[in-house]
Amino acid sequence: MQPIHDFLNEHAQEHLQLLLTLAQIPAPSGQEEKRAEFCKNWLEQQGAEGVYIDEVLNVIYPVGVTADNPLVVFAAHSDVVFPDTDP
C-alpha cells in the first residue's frame, strides 16, 4: 500500500488539476460528448490503446480483455443533473 500512497502524494497537484479541468467541461445529461472526448484523448495521451466511445457516450478502455480474462468495469457518470452549459 505504501507505494500507492507515495504515488498519490507525489502526484496530488496533477490529480487536482485533472479533476478541475474535467469538471469545467460542460456535460448536461445527453450532451456528454465533449467530456467523453476529453477522457478518451487523455487516456490515449497516457499511452492507452484501443480506447473508444460507445453509442451512449461511455468511454471504454478494454485493458487486457481476452476470452480467458474476466472483464472488470469501473463506471462513473460523466453528465450532471442540472444544465451546466458554462464551465
Protein backbone atom coordinates (compact mmCIF):
# COMPACT_ATOMS: atom_id res chain seq x y z
CA MET A 1 0.00 0.00 0.00
CA GLN A 2 2.84 2.43 0.67
CA PRO A 3 3.89 2.71 -3.00
CA ILE A 4 0.32 3.69 -3.88
CA HIS A 5 0.24 6.32 -1.13
CA ASP A 6 3.61 7.66 -2.25
CA PHE A 7 2.43 7.92 -5.87
CA LEU A 8 -0.76 9.72 -4.83
CA ASN A 9 1.16 12.16 -2.66
CA GLU A 10 3.72 12.86 -5.38
CA HIS A 11 1.01 13.49 -7.98
CA ALA A 12 -1.64 15.19 -5.86
CA GLN A 13 -1.42 18.53 -7.69
CA GLU A 14 -1.61 16.79 -11.07
CA HIS A 15 -4.70 14.87 -9.96
CA LEU A 16 -6.36 18.03 -8.68
CA GLN A 17 -5.67 19.88 -11.94
CA LEU A 18 -7.07 16.99 -13.97
CA LEU A 19 -10.24 16.95 -11.87
CA LEU A 20 -10.65 20.72 -12.19
CA THR A 21 -10.15 20.56 -15.97
CA LEU A 22 -12.65 17.74 -16.31
CA ALA A 23 -15.22 19.48 -14.10
CA GLN A 24 -15.06 22.63 -16.26
CA ILE A 25 -16.22 20.79 -19.38
CA PRO A 26 -19.99 21.31 -19.66
CA ALA A 27 -21.84 17.98 -19.75
CA PRO A 28 -25.60 18.25 -19.27
CA SER A 29 -27.44 14.92 -19.48
CA GLY A 30 -27.45 13.63 -23.04
CA GLN A 31 -24.70 16.04 -24.08
CA GLU A 32 -21.55 14.47 -22.65
CA GLU A 33 -19.68 14.34 -25.97
CA LYS A 34 -17.03 16.91 -25.02
CA ARG A 35 -16.32 15.32 -21.66
CA ALA A 36 -16.17 11.82 -23.17
CA GLU A 37 -13.80 13.03 -25.89
CA PHE A 38 -11.58 14.67 -23.28
CA CYS A 39 -11.39 11.41 -21.30
CA LYS A 40 -10.63 9.37 -24.42
CA ASN A 41 -7.89 11.79 -25.51
CA TRP A 42 -6.38 11.91 -22.02
CA LEU A 43 -6.20 8.11 -21.82
CA GLU A 44 -4.57 7.95 -25.25
CA GLN A 45 -2.03 10.61 -24.22
CA GLN A 46 -1.13 8.36 -21.28
CA GLY A 47 -0.42 5.51 -23.72
CA ALA A 48 -3.76 3.71 -23.68
CA GLU A 49 -4.57 1.86 -26.89
CA GLY A 50 -7.98 0.72 -28.11
CA VAL A 51 -9.95 3.41 -26.28
CA TYR A 52 -13.32 4.18 -27.83
CA ILE A 53 -16.62 5.92 -27.10
CA ASP A 54 -19.75 3.81 -27.46
CA GLU A 55 -23.19 4.85 -28.71
CA VAL A 56 -24.30 6.11 -25.28
CA LEU A 57 -21.07 8.09 -24.72
CA ASN A 58 -19.31 5.66 -22.37
CA VAL A 59 -15.54 5.81 -22.67
CA ILE A 60 -14.33 2.23 -23.00
CA TYR A 61 -10.73 1.13 -22.41
CA PRO A 62 -10.50 -2.67 -22.67
CA VAL A 63 -7.29 -3.36 -20.76
CA GLY A 64 -6.12 -6.95 -21.13
CA VAL A 65 -9.57 -8.25 -22.03
CA THR A 66 -9.46 -11.74 -23.53
CA ALA A 67 -11.77 -14.73 -23.65
CA ASP A 68 -9.96 -16.13 -20.60
CA ASN A 69 -9.58 -12.87 -18.69
CA PRO A 70 -12.66 -11.60 -16.86
CA LEU A 71 -13.85 -8.10 -17.52
CA VAL A 72 -13.58 -5.55 -14.72
CA VAL A 73 -15.61 -2.37 -15.08
CA PHE A 74 -15.10 0.97 -13.40
CA ALA A 75 -18.08 3.19 -14.13
CA ALA A 76 -18.99 6.75 -13.31
CA HIS A 77 -21.47 9.24 -14.63
CA SER A 78 -19.91 11.96 -16.74
CA ASP A 79 -23.04 14.08 -17.00
CA VAL A 80 -24.51 16.47 -14.48
CA VAL A 81 -28.14 16.68 -13.43
CA PHE A 82 -28.50 20.42 -13.93
CA PRO A 83 -27.99 22.33 -17.19
CA ASP A 84 -24.38 23.45 -16.83
CA THR A 85 -23.67 24.93 -20.22
CA ASP A 86 -20.98 27.20 -18.76
CA PRO A 87 -17.62 25.96 -17.45
